Amino acid sequence: MISDTSVSTSPELNEEEIIEYYEKCQVDYEICWHLSSYMSMHYGFWTKETKTLRSSLNQMNLELIKEININRNDYVLDAGCGVGGSSIYLAKNIGCKVKGITLTPSQVEKSTQNAITHSVDSRVSFEKQNYLSTRYEDNTFDVVWAIESVCYAYDKLDFLKEAYRILKPGGRLVVADFYAEKIEEGSKDEEIMTKWTDSWAIKSYATTEDFVNKCSLAGFSNTRVRNITKNVLPSIKRLYYYFFPGLVVTTVSEALGFRNKVQTKNTWSTYYQYSAYKRGLWRYNIISSKKPLKTTT
């Protein structure tokens, strides 16, 4: 039997688990992903000319900007904003207005401080909100932007319906994220994928086909899929290389009481994501879509 890993068991996010993960594991991003200076928690976008992690993180922003032609007149929702890296990049380099939302209170605080540091606090602000059920009015935003955050929704249709509601007619959606291939239930492949998603407080990834179908069900049109797995491969490998020294450090540190089980699981994620990649179990896509100018009720 083939399993579609996007099957939903709940319309809600596992908020407490997600918050715990980011509160406890932010230190790992600060050590390995230069979070304090780069302000990004995603895989980045690497080309032949890319020489540094920072360049790849900036390039991911540029790829999404080009994908949906963001301009200074757009009002953007950064759904799952982390510590504000993309929001600040958009405000600073495009000049548009941005609202960033996250479940994690410490990220709201850090994002706000980052915006002040980069002198864009007049154009970007941050709030603690759930992207499945926001407090924004219908037709508020020109763009909904999400990098490696929609994966946390149990049923991605819940996110897509809310994004559709708060987008203006003609508004654009752009998502950069992990997408699973269909795998056999009870197989070694399923076991590896489950260990990986569990280590990041994620239930499961959607398949590409399922996500595209749900874009249509939510009301979106002109959906485009761009497989950029090869452009995140350097980050896949980079994380894998961190695993071996990281496992030694985290095992000893946990035994001494300096690290915890959530952080140790996060260390193992670097191994599982690479193992799953080598087995062809996932891909990384940029998916964009539009809310029609004329909508039916």
Protein backbone atom coordinates (compact mmCIF):
# COMPACT_ATOMS: atom_id res chain seq x y z
CA MET A 1 0.00 0.00 0.00
CA ILE A 2 1.22 3.49 -0.85
CA SER A 3 0.86 6.20 1.77
CA ASP A 4 0.16 9.87 1.04
CA THR A 5 2.08 11.56 3.86
CA SER A 6 -0.18 14.61 3.77
CA VAL A 7 -3.18 12.84 5.34
CA SER A 8 -4.65 15.08 8.04
CA THR A 9 -5.73 14.06 11.52
CA SER A 10 -6.48 17.52 12.89
CA PRO A 11 -7.18 21.00 11.55
CA GLU A 12 -4.99 22.51 14.26
CA LEU A 13 -1.31 23.10 14.76
CA ASN A 14 0.54 21.37 17.56
CA GLU A 15 1.34 24.84 18.91
CA GLU A 16 2.92 23.88 22.21
CA GLU A 17 5.32 21.42 20.59
CA ILE A 18 6.30 23.90 17.88
CA ILE A 19 6.93 26.67 20.41
CA GLU A 20 8.97 24.31 22.58
CA TYR A 21 11.07 23.27 19.60
CA TYR A 22 11.95 26.82 18.59
CA GLU A 23 12.44 28.08 22.13
CA LYS A 24 14.84 25.25 22.95
CA CYS A 25 16.58 24.83 19.59
CA GLN A 26 17.14 28.43 18.59
CA VAL A 27 20.62 28.12 20.08
CA ASP A 28 21.44 25.46 17.46
CA TYR A 29 20.49 27.85 14.66
CA GLU A 30 22.64 30.52 16.25
CA ILE A 31 25.64 28.18 16.32
CA CYS A 32 25.25 26.42 12.97
CA TRP A 33 23.24 28.87 10.84
CA HIS A 34 24.58 32.22 12.13
CA LEU A 35 21.06 33.20 13.12
CA SER A 36 22.06 36.34 15.02
CA SER A 37 23.67 37.89 11.95
CA TYR A 38 21.85 36.21 9.03
CA MET A 39 18.36 36.13 10.66
CA SER A 40 17.21 33.14 8.58
CA MET A 41 16.36 29.55 9.50
CA HIS A 42 15.85 28.01 6.05
CA TYR A 43 17.99 26.06 3.54
CA GLY A 44 18.78 28.96 1.25
CA PHE A 45 19.18 28.84 -2.54
CA TRP A 46 22.58 27.92 -3.96
CA THR A 47 23.83 28.55 -7.50
CA LYS A 48 27.22 27.91 -9.08
CA GLU A 49 28.19 31.43 -8.06
CA THR A 50 27.08 31.10 -4.43
CA LYS A 51 30.07 31.00 -2.10
CA THR A 52 28.61 31.53 1.37
CA LEU A 53 25.62 30.50 3.44
CA ARG A 54 24.63 34.15 3.83
CA SER A 55 24.53 34.58 0.07
CA SER A 56 22.32 31.51 -0.28
CA LEU A 57 19.89 32.83 2.32
CA ASN A 58 19.63 36.16 0.54
CA GLN A 59 19.27 34.40 -2.80
CA MET A 60 16.24 32.47 -1.56
CA ASN A 61 14.56 35.80 -0.85
CA LEU A 62 15.42 36.99 -4.35
CA GLU A 63 14.05 33.82 -5.94
CA LEU A 64 10.69 34.24 -4.21
CA ILE A 65 10.59 37.95 -5.02
CA LYS A 66 11.13 37.19 -8.71
CA GLU A 67 8.68 34.30 -8.66
CA ILE A 68 5.72 36.58 -7.91
CA ASN A 69 7.12 40.01 -8.82
CA ILE A 70 6.94 41.68 -5.41
CA ASN A 71 7.15 45.49 -5.58
CA ARG A 72 7.31 48.38 -3.12
CA ASN A 73 3.52 48.89 -3.23
CA ASP A 74 2.76 45.38 -1.99
CA TYR A 75 1.59 44.57 1.54
CA VAL A 76 3.16 41.22 2.45
CA LEU A 77 2.30 38.70 5.15
CA ASP A 78 5.34 36.64 6.17
CA ALA A 79 3.57 33.56 7.52
CA GLY A 80 5.99 31.88 9.91
CA CYS A 81 8.54 34.68 10.01
CA GLY A 82 11.12 33.18 12.38
CA VAL A 83 13.33 36.00 13.63
CA GLY A 84 12.32 38.29 10.79
CA GLY A 85 15.04 37.76 8.18
CA SER A 86 12.83 37.69 5.08
CA SER A 87 10.48 40.39 6.36
CA ILE A 88 13.40 42.72 7.00
CA TYR A 89 14.99 41.88 3.63
CA LEU A 90 11.75 42.75 1.82
CA ALA A 91 11.28 46.03 3.69
CA LYS A 92 14.93 47.02 3.30
CA ASN A 93 15.50 46.04 -0.33
CA ILE A 94 12.06 46.30 -1.95
CA GLY A 95 10.60 48.98 0.29
CA CYS A 96 7.26 47.23 0.76
CA LYS A 97 5.22 46.99 3.93
CA VAL A 98 5.46 43.64 5.74
CA LYS A 99 3.67 41.96 8.62
CA GLY A 100 5.42 38.94 10.11
CA ILE A 101 3.64 36.37 12.26
CA THR A 102 4.94 33.48 14.37
CA LEU A 103 3.71 31.28 17.20
CA THR A 104 6.84 31.81 19.28
CA PRO A 105 6.86 34.84 21.63
CA SER A 106 10.65 35.05 21.76
CA GLN A 107 10.74 35.26 17.97
CA VAL A 108 8.32 38.20 17.99
CA GLU A 109 10.61 39.97 20.43
CA LYS A 110 13.77 39.15 18.48
CA SER A 111 12.21 40.06 15.12
CA THR A 112 11.06 43.41 16.45
CA GLN A 113 14.53 44.19 17.75
CA ASN A 114 16.08 43.10 14.44
CA ALA A 115 13.77 45.46 12.55
CA ILE A 116 14.84 48.34 14.77
CA THR A 117 18.51 47.44 14.32
CA HIS A 118 18.10 47.48 10.54
CA SER A 119 16.04 50.71 10.60
CA VAL A 120 12.95 49.22 8.93
CA ASP A 121 10.59 49.21 11.92
CA SER A 122 8.42 51.82 10.20
CA ARG A 123 7.64 49.34 7.40
CA VAL A 124 7.70 45.95 9.12
CA SER A 125 6.13 44.69 12.35
CA PHE A 126 5.62 41.34 14.03
CA GLU A 127 2.86 39.60 15.96
CA LYS A 128 2.16 36.28 17.66
CA GLN A 129 -0.51 34.70 15.48
CA ASN A 130 -1.47 31.31 14.06
CA TYR A 131 -1.44 31.41 10.25
CA LEU A 132 -4.40 28.99 10.15
CA SER A 133 -6.69 31.49 11.85
CA THR A 134 -5.44 35.07 11.75
CA ARG A 135 -7.16 38.20 13.03
CA TYR A 136 -6.85 40.03 9.72
CA GLU A 137 -9.84 41.10 7.68
CA ASP A 138 -10.69 39.61 4.30
CA ASN A 139 -8.70 40.98 1.35
CA THR A 140 -5.93 42.56 3.45
CA PHE A 141 -2.67 41.49 1.79
CA ASP A 142 -1.20 41.56 -1.71
CA VAL A 143 1.17 38.69 -0.94
CA VAL A 144 1.30 35.74 1.45
CA TRP A 145 4.89 34.52 1.76
CA ALA A 146 5.99 31.36 3.58
CA ILE A 147 9.41 29.74 3.76
CA GLU A 148 9.61 26.33 5.49
CA SER A 149 6.60 27.06 7.69
CA VAL A 150 3.54 25.60 5.93
CA CYS A 151 4.96 22.14 6.63
CA TYR A 152 3.76 22.58 10.23
CA ALA A 153 0.08 22.62 9.25
CA TYR A 154 -1.54 19.21 9.74
CA ASP A 155 -3.73 19.75 6.67
CA LYS A 156 -2.17 22.25 4.28
CA LEU A 157 -5.66 23.12 3.00
CA ASP A 158 -6.32 24.91 6.30
CA PHE A 159 -3.40 27.23 5.60
CA LEU A 160 -4.39 27.71 1.96
CA LYS A 161 -7.98 28.63 2.82
CA GLU A 162 -6.82 31.26 5.30
CA ALA A 163 -4.23 32.63 2.87
CA TYR A 164 -6.93 32.90 0.21
CA ARG A 165 -9.28 34.72 2.60
CA ILE A 166 -6.81 37.40 3.62
CA LEU A 167 -5.38 37.98 0.14
CA LYS A 168 -6.85 40.72 -2.03
CA PRO A 169 -8.32 39.66 -5.39
CA GLY A 170 -5.32 39.22 -7.66
CA GLY A 171 -3.11 38.57 -4.63
CA ARG A 172 -0.19 36.15 -4.82
CA LEU A 173 0.93 33.22 -2.70
CA VAL A 174 4.48 31.91 -2.64
CA VAL A 175 5.68 28.93 -0.58
CA ALA A 176 9.17 27.44 -0.37
CA ASP A 177 9.09 24.14 1.49
CA PHE A 178 9.75 20.42 1.74
CA TYR A 179 7.43 18.00 -0.09
CA ALA A 180 7.32 14.26 0.42
CA GLU A 181 7.17 11.57 -2.23
CA LYS A 182 4.59 8.84 -1.77
CA ILE A 183 5.99 6.02 0.31
CA GLU A 184 4.97 2.55 1.39
CA GLU A 185 3.26 2.27 4.77
CA GLY A 186 5.29 0.43 7.37
CA SER A 187 8.46 0.65 5.30
CA LYS A 188 11.95 1.77 6.28
CA ASP A 189 11.30 4.87 4.18
CA GLU A 190 8.28 5.79 6.29
CA GLU A 191 10.28 5.20 9.46
CA ILE A 192 13.04 7.59 8.36
CA MET A 193 10.58 10.28 7.30
CA THR A 194 8.70 9.99 10.58
CA LYS A 195 11.89 10.31 12.61
CA TRP A 196 12.86 13.39 10.61
CA THR A 197 9.54 15.20 10.87
CA ASP A 198 9.24 14.30 14.56
CA SER A 199 12.65 15.82 15.27
CA TRP A 200 11.34 19.17 13.93
CA ALA A 201 7.89 19.00 15.61
CA ILE A 202 6.25 18.44 12.21
CA LYS A 203 3.48 15.90 11.62
CA SER A 204 4.23 15.27 7.94
CA TYR A 205 5.04 16.93 4.65
CA ALA A 206 2.50 17.23 1.87
CA THR A 207 3.17 15.61 -1.47
CA THR A 208 3.57 18.04 -4.34
CA GLU A 209 0.45 16.69 -6.05
CA ASP A 210 -1.63 17.01 -2.91
CA PHE A 211 -0.52 20.57 -2.24
CA VAL A 212 -1.25 21.66 -5.81
CA ASN A 213 -4.69 20.04 -5.67
CA LYS A 214 -5.44 21.81 -2.41
CA CYS A 215 -4.41 25.15 -3.91
CA SER A 216 -7.21 24.61 -6.40
CA LEU A 217 -9.67 23.52 -3.71
CA ALA A 218 -8.92 26.70 -1.75
CA GLY A 219 -9.74 28.79 -4.83
CA PHE A 220 -6.28 29.61 -6.17
CA SER A 221 -5.40 29.52 -9.86
CA ASN A 222 -2.28 29.64 -12.06
CA THR A 223 -0.35 27.42 -9.65
CA ARG A 224 3.28 26.91 -10.62
CA VAL A 225 5.73 24.36 -9.20
CA ARG A 226 9.51 24.76 -9.36
CA ASN A 227 11.61 21.90 -8.07
CA ILE A 228 14.75 23.48 -6.56
CA THR A 229 16.11 20.46 -4.70
CA LYS A 230 19.46 20.79 -6.46
CA ASN A 231 19.66 24.39 -5.22
CA VAL A 232 19.34 23.36 -1.56
CA LEU A 233 21.70 20.37 -1.86
CA PRO A 234 24.70 22.24 -0.36
CA SER A 235 22.62 22.93 2.75
CA ILE A 236 21.44 19.32 2.90
CA LYS A 237 25.09 18.24 2.93
CA ARG A 238 26.17 21.03 5.26
CA LEU A 239 23.69 19.90 7.90
CA TYR A 240 24.73 16.28 7.47
CA TYR A 241 28.38 17.17 8.08
CA TYR A 242 27.33 18.86 11.33
CA PHE A 243 25.76 15.61 12.56
CA PHE A 244 28.86 13.66 13.56
CA PRO A 245 30.60 16.25 15.77
CA GLY A 246 27.19 17.50 16.88
CA LEU A 247 26.12 14.07 18.12
CA VAL A 248 29.20 13.79 20.32
CA VAL A 249 28.69 17.25 21.77
CA THR A 250 24.95 16.90 22.34
CA THR A 251 25.22 13.42 23.90
CA VAL A 252 27.85 14.53 26.41
CA SER A 253 26.07 17.84 27.06
CA GLU A 254 22.73 16.15 27.68
CA ALA A 255 24.37 13.71 30.11
CA LEU A 256 25.84 16.69 31.98
CA GLY A 257 22.51 18.54 31.98
CA PHE A 258 23.54 21.29 29.55
CA ARG A 259 21.27 20.18 26.71
CA ASN A 260 17.88 18.49 26.58
CA LYS A 261 16.08 15.76 24.61
CA VAL A 262 14.47 18.24 22.19
CA GLN A 263 17.91 19.58 21.25
CA THR A 264 19.31 16.06 20.87
CA LYS A 265 16.43 15.16 18.52
CA ASN A 266 17.22 18.31 16.55
CA THR A 267 20.81 17.09 16.15
CA TRP A 268 19.51 13.80 14.74
CA SER A 269 17.36 15.72 12.24
CA THR A 270 20.53 16.58 10.32
CA TYR A 271 21.13 12.86 9.79
CA TYR A 272 17.55 11.92 8.92
CA GLN A 273 17.04 14.73 6.39
CA TYR A 274 20.13 13.56 4.50
CA SER A 275 19.20 9.87 4.71
CA ALA A 276 15.72 10.66 3.38
CA TYR A 277 17.19 12.75 0.59
CA LYS A 278 19.57 9.96 -0.46
CA ARG A 279 16.60 7.56 -0.64
CA GLY A 280 14.67 10.00 -2.86
CA LEU A 281 11.90 10.51 -0.30
CA TRP A 282 11.52 14.27 -0.59
CA ARG A 283 12.01 17.28 -2.77
CA TYR A 284 12.16 21.02 -2.19
CA ASN A 285 9.75 23.18 -4.19
CA ILE A 286 8.89 26.81 -4.68
CA ILE A 287 5.14 26.84 -5.33
CA SER A 288 3.28 30.00 -6.30
CA SER A 289 -0.37 30.68 -7.00
CA LYS A 290 -2.84 33.53 -7.44
CA LYS A 291 -6.20 34.52 -6.05
CA PRO A 292 -8.41 35.33 -9.07
CA LEU A 293 -9.36 38.96 -9.65
CA LYS A 294 -12.99 37.91 -9.72
CA THR A 295 -13.96 35.42 -7.04
CA THR A 296 -17.11 33.39 -6.74
CA THR A 297 -19.09 33.24 -3.49
